[in-house]
Amino acid sequence: MISFEDYNILPADEKAAIAMTQGDFVDFRYENEFRVALYRLRHFYAEVYYNSARNTIDHTQAFTSISRLAPYINL
């Protein structure tokens, strides 16, 4: 499994591919024009930002802090 450091230096398209193929899907949320999918990799999380209007993956965000999971909690 890829490390957080190695993941962050990859090109955006490779980051998205790794998150979707090696990560475990957790949940999704909506943010502006994006559907943001959350994946759990071994020691970090990755968000994949999908723009449905353009049918493209716009970017990814990786993080280790569990406080960043707050937007996925439905209260």
PDB file of N, CA and C in Angstrom:
ATOM      1  N   MET A   1       0.854  -1.177   0.000  1.00  0.00           N
ATOM      2  CA  MET A   1       0.000   0.000   0.000  1.00  0.00           C
ATOM      3  C   MET A   1       0.896   1.235   0.000  1.00  0.00           C
ATOM      4  N   ILE A   2       0.490   2.241  -0.716  1.00  0.00           N
ATOM      5  CA  ILE A   2       1.273   3.455  -0.873  1.00  0.00           C
ATOM      6  C   ILE A   2       1.268   4.285   0.419  1.00  0.00           C
ATOM      7  N   SER A   3       2.365   4.975   0.670  1.00  0.00           N
ATOM      8  CA  SER A   3       2.449   5.842   1.847  1.00  0.00           C
ATOM      9  C   SER A   3       1.823   7.200   1.535  1.00  0.00           C
ATOM     10  N   PHE A   4       1.497   7.916   2.587  1.00  0.00           N
ATOM     11  CA  PHE A   4       0.934   9.258   2.457  1.00  0.00           C
ATOM     12  C   PHE A   4       1.892  10.167   1.691  1.00  0.00           C
ATOM     13  N   GLU A   5       3.159  10.094   2.010  1.00  0.00           N
ATOM     14  CA  GLU A   5       4.167  10.940   1.369  1.00  0.00           C
ATOM     15  C   GLU A   5       4.294  10.630  -0.121  1.00  0.00           C
ATOM     16  N   ASP A   6       4.352   9.349  -0.465  1.00  0.00           N
ATOM     17  CA  ASP A   6       4.469   8.963  -1.867  1.00  0.00           C
ATOM     18  C   ASP A   6       3.211   9.323  -2.648  1.00  0.00           C
ATOM     19  N   TYR A   7       2.060   9.162  -2.022  1.00  0.00           N
ATOM     20  CA  TYR A   7       0.793   9.510  -2.667  1.00  0.00           C
ATOM     21  C   TYR A   7       0.773  10.988  -3.046  1.00  0.00           C
ATOM     22  N   ASN A   8       1.208  11.836  -2.136  1.00  0.00           N
ATOM     23  CA  ASN A   8       1.123  13.282  -2.356  1.00  0.00           C
ATOM     24  C   ASN A   8       2.021  13.809  -3.467  1.00  0.00           C
ATOM     25  N   ILE A   9       3.031  13.057  -3.874  1.00  0.00           N
ATOM     26  CA  ILE A   9       3.904  13.548  -4.944  1.00  0.00           C
ATOM     27  C   ILE A   9       3.485  13.053  -6.326  1.00  0.00           C
ATOM     28  N   LEU A  10       2.455  12.217  -6.374  1.00  0.00           N
ATOM     29  CA  LEU A  10       1.976  11.692  -7.658  1.00  0.00           C
ATOM     30  C   LEU A  10       1.187  12.735  -8.431  1.00  0.00           C
ATOM     31  N   PRO A  11       1.096  12.581  -9.746  1.00  0.00           N
ATOM     32  CA  PRO A  11       0.209  13.426 -10.544  1.00  0.00           C
ATOM     33  C   PRO A  11      -1.247  13.174 -10.137  1.00  0.00           C
ATOM     34  N   ALA A  12      -2.096  14.150 -10.347  1.00  0.00           N
ATOM     35  CA  ALA A  12      -3.498  14.096  -9.909  1.00  0.00           C
ATOM     36  C   ALA A  12      -4.239  12.879 -10.440  1.00  0.00           C
ATOM     37  N   ASP A  13      -4.030  12.515 -11.698  1.00  0.00           N
ATOM     38  CA  ASP A  13      -4.763  11.376 -12.258  1.00  0.00           C
ATOM     39  C   ASP A  13      -4.352  10.056 -11.599  1.00  0.00           C
ATOM     40  N   GLU A  14      -3.078   9.935 -11.236  1.00  0.00           N
ATOM     41  CA  GLU A  14      -2.624   8.724 -10.556  1.00  0.00           C
ATOM     42  C   GLU A  14      -3.153   8.665  -9.129  1.00  0.00           C
ATOM     43  N   LYS A  15      -3.228   9.829  -8.463  1.00  0.00           N
ATOM     44  CA  LYS A  15      -3.793   9.871  -7.113  1.00  0.00           C
ATOM     45  C   LYS A  15      -5.232   9.370  -7.121  1.00  0.00           C
ATOM     46  N   ALA A  16      -6.022   9.862  -8.052  1.00  0.00           N
ATOM     47  CA  ALA A  16      -7.425   9.450  -8.133  1.00  0.00           C
ATOM     48  C   ALA A  16      -7.533   7.959  -8.409  1.00  0.00           C
ATOM     49  N   ALA A  17      -6.727   7.449  -9.323  1.00  0.00           N
ATOM     50  CA  ALA A  17      -6.777   6.029  -9.671  1.00  0.00           C
ATOM     51  C   ALA A  17      -6.404   5.155  -8.473  1.00  0.00           C
ATOM     52  N   ILE A  18      -5.392   5.542  -7.740  1.00  0.00           N
ATOM     53  CA  ILE A  18      -4.980   4.768  -6.571  1.00  0.00           C
ATOM     54  C   ILE A  18      -6.057   4.799  -5.496  1.00  0.00           C
ATOM     55  N   ALA A  19      -6.622   5.969  -5.247  1.00  0.00           N
ATOM     56  CA  ALA A  19      -7.674   6.068  -4.232  1.00  0.00           C
ATOM     57  C   ALA A  19      -8.839   5.150  -4.580  1.00  0.00           C
ATOM     58  N   MET A  20      -9.247   5.148  -5.838  1.00  0.00           N
ATOM     59  CA  MET A  20     -10.426   4.390  -6.249  1.00  0.00           C
ATOM     60  C   MET A  20     -10.167   2.891  -6.385  1.00  0.00           C
ATOM     61  N   THR A  21      -8.925   2.488  -6.647  1.00  0.00           N
ATOM     62  CA  THR A  21      -8.647   1.064  -6.833  1.00  0.00           C
ATOM     63  C   THR A  21      -8.041   0.406  -5.603  1.00  0.00           C
ATOM     64  N   GLN A  22      -7.258   1.146  -4.824  1.00  0.00           N
ATOM     65  CA  GLN A  22      -6.605   0.566  -3.652  1.00  0.00           C
ATOM     66  C   GLN A  22      -7.272   0.962  -2.344  1.00  0.00           C
ATOM     67  N   GLY A  23      -8.062   2.023  -2.382  1.00  0.00           N
ATOM     68  CA  GLY A  23      -8.720   2.489  -1.166  1.00  0.00           C
ATOM     69  C   GLY A  23     -10.073   1.844  -0.965  1.00  0.00           C
ATOM     70  N   ASP A  24     -10.556   1.949   0.249  1.00  0.00           N
ATOM     71  CA  ASP A  24     -11.901   1.488   0.589  1.00  0.00           C
ATOM     72  C   ASP A  24     -12.830   2.688   0.567  1.00  0.00           C
ATOM     73  N   PHE A  25     -13.885   2.604  -0.236  1.00  0.00           N
ATOM     74  CA  PHE A  25     -14.848   3.694  -0.312  1.00  0.00           C
ATOM     75  C   PHE A  25     -15.529   3.839   1.049  1.00  0.00           C
ATOM     76  N   VAL A  26     -15.622   5.087   1.528  1.00  0.00           N
ATOM     77  CA  VAL A  26     -16.226   5.361   2.827  1.00  0.00           C
ATOM     78  C   VAL A  26     -17.579   6.035   2.663  1.00  0.00           C
ATOM     79  N   ASP A  27     -17.608   7.138   1.925  1.00  0.00           N
ATOM     80  CA  ASP A  27     -18.839   7.924   1.801  1.00  0.00           C
ATOM     81  C   ASP A  27     -18.620   8.976   0.726  1.00  0.00           C
ATOM     82  N   PHE A  28     -19.676   9.725   0.438  1.00  0.00           N
ATOM     83  CA  PHE A  28     -19.530  10.875  -0.443  1.00  0.00           C
ATOM     84  C   PHE A  28     -20.349  12.023   0.107  1.00  0.00           C
ATOM     85  N   ARG A  29     -20.017  13.199  -0.377  1.00  0.00           N
ATOM     86  CA  ARG A  29     -20.726  14.424  -0.004  1.00  0.00           C
ATOM     87  C   ARG A  29     -20.701  15.349  -1.202  1.00  0.00           C
ATOM     88  N   TYR A  30     -21.488  16.408  -1.135  1.00  0.00           N
ATOM     89  CA  TYR A  30     -21.505  17.400  -2.205  1.00  0.00           C
ATOM     90  C   TYR A  30     -20.905  18.703  -1.696  1.00  0.00           C
ATOM     91  N   GLU A  31     -20.092  19.307  -2.544  1.00  0.00           N
ATOM     92  CA  GLU A  31     -19.474  20.593  -2.234  1.00  0.00           C
ATOM     93  C   GLU A  31     -19.469  21.415  -3.520  1.00  0.00           C
ATOM     94  N   ASN A  32     -20.301  22.457  -3.535  1.00  0.00           N
ATOM     95  CA  ASN A  32     -20.465  23.270  -4.733  1.00  0.00           C
ATOM     96  C   ASN A  32     -20.800  22.373  -5.923  1.00  0.00           C
ATOM     97  N   GLU A  33     -20.031  22.438  -6.989  1.00  0.00           N
ATOM     98  CA  GLU A  33     -20.329  21.633  -8.179  1.00  0.00           C
ATOM     99  C   GLU A  33     -19.718  20.227  -8.127  1.00  0.00           C
ATOM    100  N   PHE A  34     -19.102  19.866  -7.018  1.00  0.00           N
ATOM    101  CA  PHE A  34     -18.403  18.597  -6.917  1.00  0.00           C
ATOM    102  C   PHE A  34     -19.151  17.556  -6.096  1.00  0.00           C
ATOM    103  N   ARG A  35     -19.024  16.323  -6.521  1.00  0.00           N
ATOM    104  CA  ARG A  35     -19.374  15.180  -5.689  1.00  0.00           C
ATOM    105  C   ARG A  35     -18.036  14.676  -5.173  1.00  0.00           C
ATOM    106  N   VAL A  36     -17.868  14.712  -3.870  1.00  0.00           N
ATOM    107  CA  VAL A  36     -16.586  14.376  -3.259  1.00  0.00           C
ATOM    108  C   VAL A  36     -16.690  12.985  -2.646  1.00  0.00           C
ATOM    109  N   ALA A  37     -15.897  12.064  -3.172  1.00  0.00           N
ATOM    110  CA  ALA A  37     -15.873  10.695  -2.662  1.00  0.00           C
ATOM    111  C   ALA A  37     -14.697  10.539  -1.708  1.00  0.00           C
ATOM    112  N   LEU A  38     -14.964   9.907  -0.581  1.00  0.00           N
ATOM    113  CA  LEU A  38     -13.930   9.685   0.433  1.00  0.00           C
ATOM    114  C   LEU A  38     -13.498   8.224   0.408  1.00  0.00           C
ATOM    115  N   TYR A  39     -12.184   8.023   0.354  1.00  0.00           N
ATOM    116  CA  TYR A  39     -11.596   6.678   0.368  1.00  0.00           C
ATOM    117  C   TYR A  39     -10.606   6.588   1.522  1.00  0.00           C
ATOM    118  N   ARG A  40     -10.577   5.427   2.148  1.00  0.00           N
ATOM    119  CA  ARG A  40      -9.607   5.179   3.208  1.00  0.00           C
ATOM    120  C   ARG A  40      -8.513   4.283   2.660  1.00  0.00           C
ATOM    121  N   LEU A  41      -7.304   4.804   2.723  1.00  0.00           N
ATOM    122  CA  LEU A  41      -6.152   3.989   2.394  1.00  0.00           C
ATOM    123  C   LEU A  41      -5.536   3.558   3.727  1.00  0.00           C
ATOM    124  N   ARG A  42      -4.425   2.925   3.715  1.00  0.00           N
ATOM    125  CA  ARG A  42      -3.906   2.309   4.943  1.00  0.00           C
ATOM    126  C   ARG A  42      -3.774   3.284   6.115  1.00  0.00           C
ATOM    127  N   HIS A  43      -3.065   4.375   5.916  1.00  0.00           N
ATOM    128  CA  HIS A  43      -2.816   5.305   7.028  1.00  0.00           C
ATOM    129  C   HIS A  43      -3.289   6.719   6.744  1.00  0.00           C
ATOM    130  N   PHE A  44      -4.143   6.869   5.759  1.00  0.00           N
ATOM    131  CA  PHE A  44      -4.659   8.204   5.440  1.00  0.00           C
ATOM    132  C   PHE A  44      -5.950   8.081   4.651  1.00  0.00           C
ATOM    133  N   TYR A  45      -6.576   9.219   4.447  1.00  0.00           N
ATOM    134  CA  TYR A  45      -7.808   9.315   3.662  1.00  0.00           C
ATOM    135  C   TYR A  45      -7.541  10.142   2.415  1.00  0.00           C
ATOM    136  N   ALA A  46      -8.295   9.861   1.372  1.00  0.00           N
ATOM    137  CA  ALA A  46      -8.185  10.641   0.133  1.00  0.00           C
ATOM    138  C   ALA A  46      -9.588  11.009  -0.337  1.00  0.00           C
ATOM    139  N   GLU A  47      -9.745  12.267  -0.711  1.00  0.00           N
ATOM    140  CA  GLU A  47     -10.990  12.739  -1.298  1.00  0.00           C
ATOM    141  C   GLU A  47     -10.774  12.921  -2.791  1.00  0.00           C
ATOM    142  N   VAL A  48     -11.717  12.443  -3.579  1.00  0.00           N
ATOM    143  CA  VAL A  48     -11.671  12.591  -5.030  1.00  0.00           C
ATOM    144  C   VAL A  48     -12.836  13.491  -5.420  1.00  0.00           C
ATOM    145  N   TYR A  49     -12.520  14.630  -6.040  1.00  0.00           N
ATOM    146  CA  TYR A  49     -13.508  15.637  -6.417  1.00  0.00           C
ATOM    147  C   TYR A  49     -13.939  15.422  -7.865  1.00  0.00           C
ATOM    148  N   TYR A  50     -15.176  14.995  -8.028  1.00  0.00           N
ATOM    149  CA  TYR A  50     -15.735  14.700  -9.352  1.00  0.00           C
ATOM    150  C   TYR A  50     -16.690  15.814  -9.761  1.00  0.00           C
ATOM    151  N   ASN A  51     -16.476  16.382 -10.948  1.00  0.00           N
ATOM    152  CA  ASN A  51     -17.339  17.421 -11.496  1.00  0.00           C
ATOM    153  C   ASN A  51     -18.280  16.766 -12.502  1.00  0.00           C
ATOM    154  N   SER A  52     -19.542  16.597 -12.108  1.00  0.00           N
ATOM    155  CA  SER A  52     -20.487  15.891 -12.980  1.00  0.00           C
ATOM    156  C   SER A  52     -20.860  16.697 -14.217  1.00  0.00           C
ATOM    157  N   ALA A  53     -20.834  18.003 -14.140  1.00  0.00           N
ATOM    158  CA  ALA A  53     -21.158  18.829 -15.308  1.00  0.00           C
ATOM    159  C   ALA A  53     -20.133  18.628 -16.421  1.00  0.00           C
ATOM    160  N   ARG A  54     -18.875  18.460 -16.046  1.00  0.00           N
ATOM    161  CA  ARG A  54     -17.809  18.253 -17.034  1.00  0.00           C
ATOM    162  C   ARG A  54     -17.421  16.783 -17.188  1.00  0.00           C
ATOM    163  N   ASN A  55     -17.980  15.938 -16.306  1.00  0.00           N
ATOM    164  CA  ASN A  55     -17.659  14.507 -16.300  1.00  0.00           C
ATOM    165  C   ASN A  55     -16.148  14.280 -16.169  1.00  0.00           C
ATOM    166  N   THR A  56     -15.564  14.995 -15.196  1.00  0.00           N
ATOM    167  CA  THR A  56     -14.120  14.892 -14.974  1.00  0.00           C
ATOM    168  C   THR A  56     -13.818  14.831 -13.482  1.00  0.00           C
ATOM    169  N   ILE A  57     -12.700  14.244 -13.180  1.00  0.00           N
ATOM    170  CA  ILE A  57     -12.167  14.331 -11.826  1.00  0.00           C
ATOM    171  C   ILE A  57     -11.299  15.572 -11.801  1.00  0.00           C
ATOM    172  N   ASP A  58     -11.650  16.496 -10.935  1.00  0.00           N
ATOM    173  CA  ASP A  58     -10.984  17.794 -10.897  1.00  0.00           C
ATOM    174  C   ASP A  58      -9.684  17.745 -10.093  1.00  0.00           C
ATOM    175  N   HIS A  59      -9.750  17.184  -8.891  1.00  0.00           N
ATOM    176  CA  HIS A  59      -8.554  17.089  -8.061  1.00  0.00           C
ATOM    177  C   HIS A  59      -8.790  16.119  -6.908  1.00  0.00           C
ATOM    178  N   THR A  60      -7.737  15.890  -6.141  1.00  0.00           N
ATOM    179  CA  THR A  60      -7.817  15.039  -4.960  1.00  0.00           C
ATOM    180  C   THR A  60      -7.211  15.778  -3.773  1.00  0.00           C
ATOM    181  N   GLN A  61      -7.604  15.356  -2.595  1.00  0.00           N
ATOM    182  CA  GLN A  61      -7.031  15.886  -1.350  1.00  0.00           C
ATOM    183  C   GLN A  61      -6.749  14.685  -0.455  1.00  0.00           C
ATOM    184  N   ALA A  62      -5.569  14.612   0.119  1.00  0.00           N
ATOM    185  CA  ALA A  62      -5.237  13.546   1.059  1.00  0.00           C
ATOM    186  C   ALA A  62      -5.008  14.167   2.431  1.00  0.00           C
ATOM    187  N   PHE A  63      -5.394  13.416   3.471  1.00  0.00           N
ATOM    188  CA  PHE A  63      -5.204  13.925   4.826  1.00  0.00           C
ATOM    189  C   PHE A  63      -5.103  12.772   5.812  1.00  0.00           C
ATOM    190  N   THR A  64      -4.547  13.084   6.974  1.00  0.00           N
ATOM    191  CA  THR A  64      -4.406  12.089   8.038  1.00  0.00           C
ATOM    192  C   THR A  64      -5.219  12.449   9.271  1.00  0.00           C
ATOM    193  N   SER A  65      -5.626  13.675   9.396  1.00  0.00           N
ATOM    194  CA  SER A  65      -6.346  14.141  10.583  1.00  0.00           C
ATOM    195  C   SER A  65      -7.812  13.725  10.543  1.00  0.00           C
ATOM    196  N   ILE A  66      -8.266  13.068  11.602  1.00  0.00           N
ATOM    197  CA  ILE A  66      -9.662  12.641  11.630  1.00  0.00           C
ATOM    198  C   ILE A  66     -10.625  13.819  11.735  1.00  0.00           C
ATOM    199  N   SER A  67     -10.134  14.988  12.122  1.00  0.00           N
ATOM    200  CA  SER A  67     -11.015  16.161  12.176  1.00  0.00           C
ATOM    201  C   SER A  67     -11.526  16.531  10.779  1.00  0.00           C
ATOM    202  N   ARG A  68     -10.803  16.129   9.752  1.00  0.00           N
ATOM    203  CA  ARG A  68     -11.236  16.400   8.372  1.00  0.00           C
ATOM    204  C   ARG A  68     -12.396  15.512   7.934  1.00  0.00           C
ATOM    205  N   LEU A  69     -12.785  14.554   8.777  1.00  0.00           N
ATOM    206  CA  LEU A  69     -13.915  13.689   8.472  1.00  0.00           C
ATOM    207  C   LEU A  69     -15.252  14.325   8.847  1.00  0.00           C
ATOM    208  N   ALA A  70     -15.223  15.437   9.536  1.00  0.00           N
ATOM    209  CA  ALA A  70     -16.443  16.088  10.028  1.00  0.00           C
ATOM    210  C   ALA A  70     -17.499  16.329   8.935  1.00  0.00           C
ATOM    211  N   PRO A  71     -17.132  16.756   7.726  1.00  0.00           N
ATOM    212  CA  PRO A  71     -18.173  16.979   6.706  1.00  0.00           C
ATOM    213  C   PRO A  71     -18.939  15.724   6.309  1.00  0.00           C
ATOM    214  N   TYR A  72     -18.440  14.558   6.677  1.00  0.00           N
ATOM    215  CA  TYR A  72     -19.101  13.298   6.301  1.00  0.00           C
ATOM    216  C   TYR A  72     -20.052  12.794   7.383  1.00  0.00           C
ATOM    217  N   ILE A  73     -20.081  13.476   8.498  1.00  0.00           N
ATOM    218  CA  ILE A  73     -20.958  13.077   9.608  1.00  0.00           C
ATOM    219  C   ILE A  73     -22.297  13.759   9.426  1.00  0.00           C
ATOM    220  N   ASN A  74     -23.331  12.979   9.252  1.00  0.00           N
ATOM    221  CA  ASN A  74     -24.689  13.521   9.070  1.00  0.00           C
ATOM    222  C   ASN A  74     -25.363  13.603  10.429  1.00  0.00           C
ATOM    223  N   LEU A  75     -25.558  14.810  10.898  1.00  0.00           N
ATOM    224  CA  LEU A  75     -26.212  14.995  12.204  1.00  0.00           C
ATOM    225  C   LEU A  75     -27.685  15.273  12.025  1.00  0.00           C
TER     226      LEU A  75
END
